[in-house]
Structures are given as C-alpha cells and as structure tokens.
Amino acid sequence: MYEELHLQELGDFQDSNYWSSTEVGLERAMGQNFHSGLQTEWRKDFTYYVRPIRAF
C-alpha cells in the first residue's frame, strides 16, 4: 500500500506508522512508517494506524 498507493498520493494515508499483519513473535509485529518509508518491528502494545484490505 505504501508503494502502490501512498507514493502516488492515493488512499488518504497519514504520515505516520501503520501496522502490518506480519507477526515477528508473541510480542512483536512488523509495521510501515508512511513518512520515511521504513519498515520495522514494534512491540504489539504500541498504538498505530491500521488499514484493513481484502486483496491487493
């Protein structure tokens, strides 16, 4: 979504962090920073945006 939508100024995304559905373990999951473009893992108790989709 970052590359296909946000970089083309589509989808009305915030310049903030979004969760991914990719888990890294019991306490961590992957996320995408929509300001810098960096992907990283965060603790699951953090609060970030989500954008549910069916298919892409």
PDB file of N, CA and C in Angstrom:
ATOM      1  N   MET A   1       0.818  -1.175   0.000  1.00  0.00           N
ATOM      2  CA  MET A   1       0.000   0.000   0.000  1.00  0.00           C
ATOM      3  C   MET A   1       0.875   1.257   0.000  1.00  0.00           C
ATOM      4  N   TYR A   2       2.016   1.160   0.694  1.00  0.00           N
ATOM      5  CA  TYR A   2       2.898   2.329   0.729  1.00  0.00           C
ATOM      6  C   TYR A   2       3.381   2.674  -0.673  1.00  0.00           C
ATOM      7  N   GLU A   3       3.898   1.685  -1.379  1.00  0.00           N
ATOM      8  CA  GLU A   3       4.453   1.943  -2.719  1.00  0.00           C
ATOM      9  C   GLU A   3       3.369   2.157  -3.770  1.00  0.00           C
ATOM     10  N   GLU A   4       2.329   1.348  -3.738  1.00  0.00           N
ATOM     11  CA  GLU A   4       1.302   1.388  -4.782  1.00  0.00           C
ATOM     12  C   GLU A   4       0.298   2.527  -4.614  1.00  0.00           C
ATOM     13  N   LEU A   5       0.046   2.950  -3.390  1.00  0.00           N
ATOM     14  CA  LEU A   5      -0.959   3.990  -3.171  1.00  0.00           C
ATOM     15  C   LEU A   5      -0.365   5.279  -2.602  1.00  0.00           C
ATOM     16  N   HIS A   6       0.280   5.170  -1.460  1.00  0.00           N
ATOM     17  CA  HIS A   6       0.737   6.378  -0.763  1.00  0.00           C
ATOM     18  C   HIS A   6       1.725   7.198  -1.591  1.00  0.00           C
ATOM     19  N   LEU A   7       2.688   6.562  -2.219  1.00  0.00           N
ATOM     20  CA  LEU A   7       3.675   7.310  -3.005  1.00  0.00           C
ATOM     21  C   LEU A   7       3.062   7.973  -4.235  1.00  0.00           C
ATOM     22  N   GLN A   8       1.875   7.512  -4.634  1.00  0.00           N
ATOM     23  CA  GLN A   8       1.152   8.133  -5.739  1.00  0.00           C
ATOM     24  C   GLN A   8       0.066   9.080  -5.223  1.00  0.00           C
ATOM     25  N   GLU A   9       0.143   9.377  -3.919  1.00  0.00           N
ATOM     26  CA  GLU A   9      -0.803  10.276  -3.256  1.00  0.00           C
ATOM     27  C   GLU A   9      -2.247   9.793  -3.357  1.00  0.00           C
ATOM     28  N   LEU A  10      -2.432   8.490  -3.238  1.00  0.00           N
ATOM     29  CA  LEU A  10      -3.759   7.876  -3.231  1.00  0.00           C
ATOM     30  C   LEU A  10      -4.011   7.250  -1.868  1.00  0.00           C
ATOM     31  N   GLY A  11      -5.243   7.114  -1.472  1.00  0.00           N
ATOM     32  CA  GLY A  11      -5.612   6.391  -0.267  1.00  0.00           C
ATOM     33  C   GLY A  11      -5.732   7.219   0.994  1.00  0.00           C
ATOM     34  N   ASP A  12      -5.395   8.496   0.954  1.00  0.00           N
ATOM     35  CA  ASP A  12      -5.557   9.381   2.103  1.00  0.00           C
ATOM     36  C   ASP A  12      -4.898   8.834   3.367  1.00  0.00           C
ATOM     37  N   PHE A  13      -3.638   8.395   3.258  1.00  0.00           N
ATOM     38  CA  PHE A  13      -2.889   7.868   4.390  1.00  0.00           C
ATOM     39  C   PHE A  13      -2.288   9.002   5.204  1.00  0.00           C
ATOM     40  N   GLN A  14      -2.157   8.793   6.493  1.00  0.00           N
ATOM     41  CA  GLN A  14      -1.476   9.730   7.379  1.00  0.00           C
ATOM     42  C   GLN A  14       0.033   9.513   7.243  1.00  0.00           C
ATOM     43  N   ASP A  15       0.825  10.549   7.448  1.00  0.00           N
ATOM     44  CA  ASP A  15       2.283  10.402   7.502  1.00  0.00           C
ATOM     45  C   ASP A  15       2.659   9.890   8.883  1.00  0.00           C
ATOM     46  N   SER A  16       2.363   8.631   9.130  1.00  0.00           N
ATOM     47  CA  SER A  16       2.524   8.045  10.448  1.00  0.00           C
ATOM     48  C   SER A  16       2.824   6.559  10.309  1.00  0.00           C
ATOM     49  N   ASN A  17       2.798   5.841  11.418  1.00  0.00           N
ATOM     50  CA  ASN A  17       3.065   4.405  11.439  1.00  0.00           C
ATOM     51  C   ASN A  17       1.781   3.608  11.246  1.00  0.00           C
ATOM     52  N   TYR A  18       1.890   2.534  10.465  1.00  0.00           N
ATOM     53  CA  TYR A  18       0.778   1.615  10.223  1.00  0.00           C
ATOM     54  C   TYR A  18       1.231   0.196  10.530  1.00  0.00           C
ATOM     55  N   TRP A  19       0.341  -0.568  11.134  1.00  0.00           N
ATOM     56  CA  TRP A  19       0.624  -1.967  11.392  1.00  0.00           C
ATOM     57  C   TRP A  19       0.566  -2.798  10.120  1.00  0.00           C
ATOM     58  N   SER A  20       1.363  -3.845  10.089  1.00  0.00           N
ATOM     59  CA  SER A  20       1.278  -4.891   9.079  1.00  0.00           C
ATOM     60  C   SER A  20       0.634  -6.106   9.742  1.00  0.00           C
ATOM     61  N   SER A  21       0.221  -7.094   8.982  1.00  0.00           N
ATOM     62  CA  SER A  21      -0.306  -8.327   9.565  1.00  0.00           C
ATOM     63  C   SER A  21       0.804  -9.337   9.842  1.00  0.00           C
ATOM     64  N   THR A  22       2.053  -8.986   9.577  1.00  0.00           N
ATOM     65  CA  THR A  22       3.183  -9.892   9.765  1.00  0.00           C
ATOM     66  C   THR A  22       3.661  -9.876  11.208  1.00  0.00           C
ATOM     67  N   GLU A  23       3.508 -11.004  11.885  1.00  0.00           N
ATOM     68  CA  GLU A  23       3.984 -11.125  13.258  1.00  0.00           C
ATOM     69  C   GLU A  23       5.460 -11.521  13.275  1.00  0.00           C
ATOM     70  N   VAL A  24       6.176 -11.062  14.292  1.00  0.00           N
ATOM     71  CA  VAL A  24       7.584 -11.401  14.466  1.00  0.00           C
ATOM     72  C   VAL A  24       7.758 -12.267  15.710  1.00  0.00           C
ATOM     73  N   GLY A  25       6.717 -12.565  16.387  1.00  0.00           N
ATOM     74  CA  GLY A  25       6.741 -13.366  17.603  1.00  0.00           C
ATOM     75  C   GLY A  25       5.533 -13.035  18.449  1.00  0.00           C
ATOM     76  N   LEU A  26       5.565 -13.492  19.689  1.00  0.00           N
ATOM     77  CA  LEU A  26       4.423 -13.258  20.575  1.00  0.00           C
ATOM     78  C   LEU A  26       4.249 -11.789  20.936  1.00  0.00           C
ATOM     79  N   GLU A  27       5.346 -11.038  20.995  1.00  0.00           N
ATOM     80  CA  GLU A  27       5.265  -9.666  21.476  1.00  0.00           C
ATOM     81  C   GLU A  27       5.544  -8.600  20.423  1.00  0.00           C
ATOM     82  N   ARG A  28       5.896  -8.998  19.194  1.00  0.00           N
ATOM     83  CA  ARG A  28       6.285  -8.012  18.188  1.00  0.00           C
ATOM     84  C   ARG A  28       5.622  -8.308  16.845  1.00  0.00           C
ATOM     85  N   ALA A  29       5.420  -7.235  16.046  1.00  0.00           N
ATOM     86  CA  ALA A  29       4.865  -7.362  14.694  1.00  0.00           C
ATOM     87  C   ALA A  29       5.518  -6.299  13.810  1.00  0.00           C
ATOM     88  N   MET A  30       5.415  -6.478  12.507  1.00  0.00           N
ATOM     89  CA  MET A  30       6.016  -5.540  11.565  1.00  0.00           C
ATOM     90  C   MET A  30       5.087  -4.357  11.326  1.00  0.00           C
ATOM     91  N   GLY A  31       5.703  -3.240  10.997  1.00  0.00           N
ATOM     92  CA  GLY A  31       4.949  -2.044  10.672  1.00  0.00           C
ATOM     93  C   GLY A  31       5.640  -1.242   9.592  1.00  0.00           C
ATOM     94  N   GLN A  32       4.919  -0.284   9.039  1.00  0.00           N
ATOM     95  CA  GLN A  32       5.413   0.563   7.954  1.00  0.00           C
ATOM     96  C   GLN A  32       5.278   2.011   8.377  1.00  0.00           C
ATOM     97  N   ASN A  33       6.351   2.771   8.270  1.00  0.00           N
ATOM     98  CA  ASN A  33       6.295   4.205   8.525  1.00  0.00           C
ATOM     99  C   ASN A  33       5.965   4.893   7.207  1.00  0.00           C
ATOM    100  N   PHE A  34       4.821   5.553   7.135  1.00  0.00           N
ATOM    101  CA  PHE A  34       4.370   6.176   5.894  1.00  0.00           C
ATOM    102  C   PHE A  34       4.948   7.570   5.688  1.00  0.00           C
ATOM    103  N   HIS A  35       5.812   8.012   6.591  1.00  0.00           N
ATOM    104  CA  HIS A  35       6.532   9.268   6.386  1.00  0.00           C
ATOM    105  C   HIS A  35       7.908   8.988   5.785  1.00  0.00           C
ATOM    106  N   SER A  36       8.658   8.073   6.395  1.00  0.00           N
ATOM    107  CA  SER A  36      10.021   7.780   5.943  1.00  0.00           C
ATOM    108  C   SER A  36      10.095   6.618   4.965  1.00  0.00           C
ATOM    109  N   GLY A  37       9.080   5.745   4.964  1.00  0.00           N
ATOM    110  CA  GLY A  37       9.101   4.564   4.116  1.00  0.00           C
ATOM    111  C   GLY A  37       9.768   3.363   4.751  1.00  0.00           C
ATOM    112  N   LEU A  38      10.271   3.503   5.970  1.00  0.00           N
ATOM    113  CA  LEU A  38      10.964   2.406   6.633  1.00  0.00           C
ATOM    114  C   LEU A  38       9.994   1.377   7.183  1.00  0.00           C
ATOM    115  N   GLN A  39      10.385   0.113   7.074  1.00  0.00           N
ATOM    116  CA  GLN A  39       9.646  -0.980   7.693  1.00  0.00           C
ATOM    117  C   GLN A  39      10.457  -1.461   8.885  1.00  0.00           C
ATOM    118  N   THR A  40       9.775  -1.704   9.988  1.00  0.00           N
ATOM    119  CA  THR A  40      10.469  -2.160  11.192  1.00  0.00           C
ATOM    120  C   THR A  40       9.514  -2.964  12.047  1.00  0.00           C
ATOM    121  N   GLU A  41      10.032  -3.579  13.092  1.00  0.00           N
ATOM    122  CA  GLU A  41       9.173  -4.317  14.004  1.00  0.00           C
ATOM    123  C   GLU A  41       8.973  -3.512  15.275  1.00  0.00           C
ATOM    124  N   TRP A  42       7.750  -3.597  15.823  1.00  0.00           N
ATOM    125  CA  TRP A  42       7.395  -2.864  17.023  1.00  0.00           C
ATOM    126  C   TRP A  42       6.729  -3.810  18.011  1.00  0.00           C
ATOM    127  N   ARG A  43       6.752  -3.416  19.273  1.00  0.00           N
ATOM    128  CA  ARG A  43       6.022  -4.162  20.288  1.00  0.00           C
ATOM    129  C   ARG A  43       4.529  -4.038  20.010  1.00  0.00           C
ATOM    130  N   LYS A  44       3.808  -5.105  20.241  1.00  0.00           N
ATOM    131  CA  LYS A  44       2.376  -5.122  19.929  1.00  0.00           C
ATOM    132  C   LYS A  44       1.534  -4.234  20.839  1.00  0.00           C
ATOM    133  N   ASP A  45       2.091  -3.756  21.937  1.00  0.00           N
ATOM    134  CA  ASP A  45       1.291  -2.899  22.808  1.00  0.00           C
ATOM    135  C   ASP A  45       1.353  -1.428  22.385  1.00  0.00           C
ATOM    136  N   PHE A  46       2.053  -1.110  21.293  1.00  0.00           N
ATOM    137  CA  PHE A  46       2.048   0.245  20.751  1.00  0.00           C
ATOM    138  C   PHE A  46       0.749   0.473  19.978  1.00  0.00           C
ATOM    139  N   THR A  47       0.320   1.717  19.871  1.00  0.00           N
ATOM    140  CA  THR A  47      -0.895   2.068  19.146  1.00  0.00           C
ATOM    141  C   THR A  47      -0.528   2.774  17.849  1.00  0.00           C
ATOM    142  N   TYR A  48      -0.893   2.150  16.711  1.00  0.00           N
ATOM    143  CA  TYR A  48      -0.634   2.726  15.398  1.00  0.00           C
ATOM    144  C   TYR A  48      -1.881   2.574  14.530  1.00  0.00           C
ATOM    145  N   TYR A  49      -1.858   3.196  13.361  1.00  0.00           N
ATOM    146  CA  TYR A  49      -2.964   3.089  12.411  1.00  0.00           C
ATOM    147  C   TYR A  49      -3.017   1.687  11.800  1.00  0.00           C
ATOM    148  N   VAL A  50      -4.186   1.314  11.323  1.00  0.00           N
ATOM    149  CA  VAL A  50      -4.376   0.089  10.533  1.00  0.00           C
ATOM    150  C   VAL A  50      -5.188   0.444   9.297  1.00  0.00           C
ATOM    151  N   ARG A  51      -5.011  -0.341   8.240  1.00  0.00           N
ATOM    152  CA  ARG A  51      -5.801  -0.170   7.017  1.00  0.00           C
ATOM    153  C   ARG A  51      -6.158  -1.574   6.537  1.00  0.00           C
ATOM    154  N   PRO A  52      -7.316  -2.089   6.931  1.00  0.00           N
ATOM    155  CA  PRO A  52      -7.709  -3.436   6.514  1.00  0.00           C
ATOM    156  C   PRO A  52      -8.012  -3.482   5.022  1.00  0.00           C
ATOM    157  N   ILE A  53      -7.603  -4.566   4.380  1.00  0.00           N
ATOM    158  CA  ILE A  53      -7.885  -4.774   2.967  1.00  0.00           C
ATOM    159  C   ILE A  53      -8.280  -6.225   2.753  1.00  0.00           C
ATOM    160  N   ARG A  54      -8.975  -6.503   1.665  1.00  0.00           N
ATOM    161  CA  ARG A  54      -9.320  -7.875   1.313  1.00  0.00           C
ATOM    162  C   ARG A  54      -8.281  -8.477   0.385  1.00  0.00           C
ATOM    163  N   ALA A  55      -7.898  -7.719  -0.620  1.00  0.00           N
ATOM    164  CA  ALA A  55      -6.917  -8.189  -1.601  1.00  0.00           C
ATOM    165  C   ALA A  55      -6.250  -6.975  -2.212  1.00  0.00           C
ATOM    166  N   PHE A  56      -5.050  -7.172  -2.698  1.00  0.00           N
ATOM    167  CA  PHE A  56      -4.329  -6.068  -3.296  1.00  0.00           C
ATOM    168  C   PHE A  56      -3.627  -6.542  -4.548  1.00  0.00           C
TER     169      PHE A  56
END
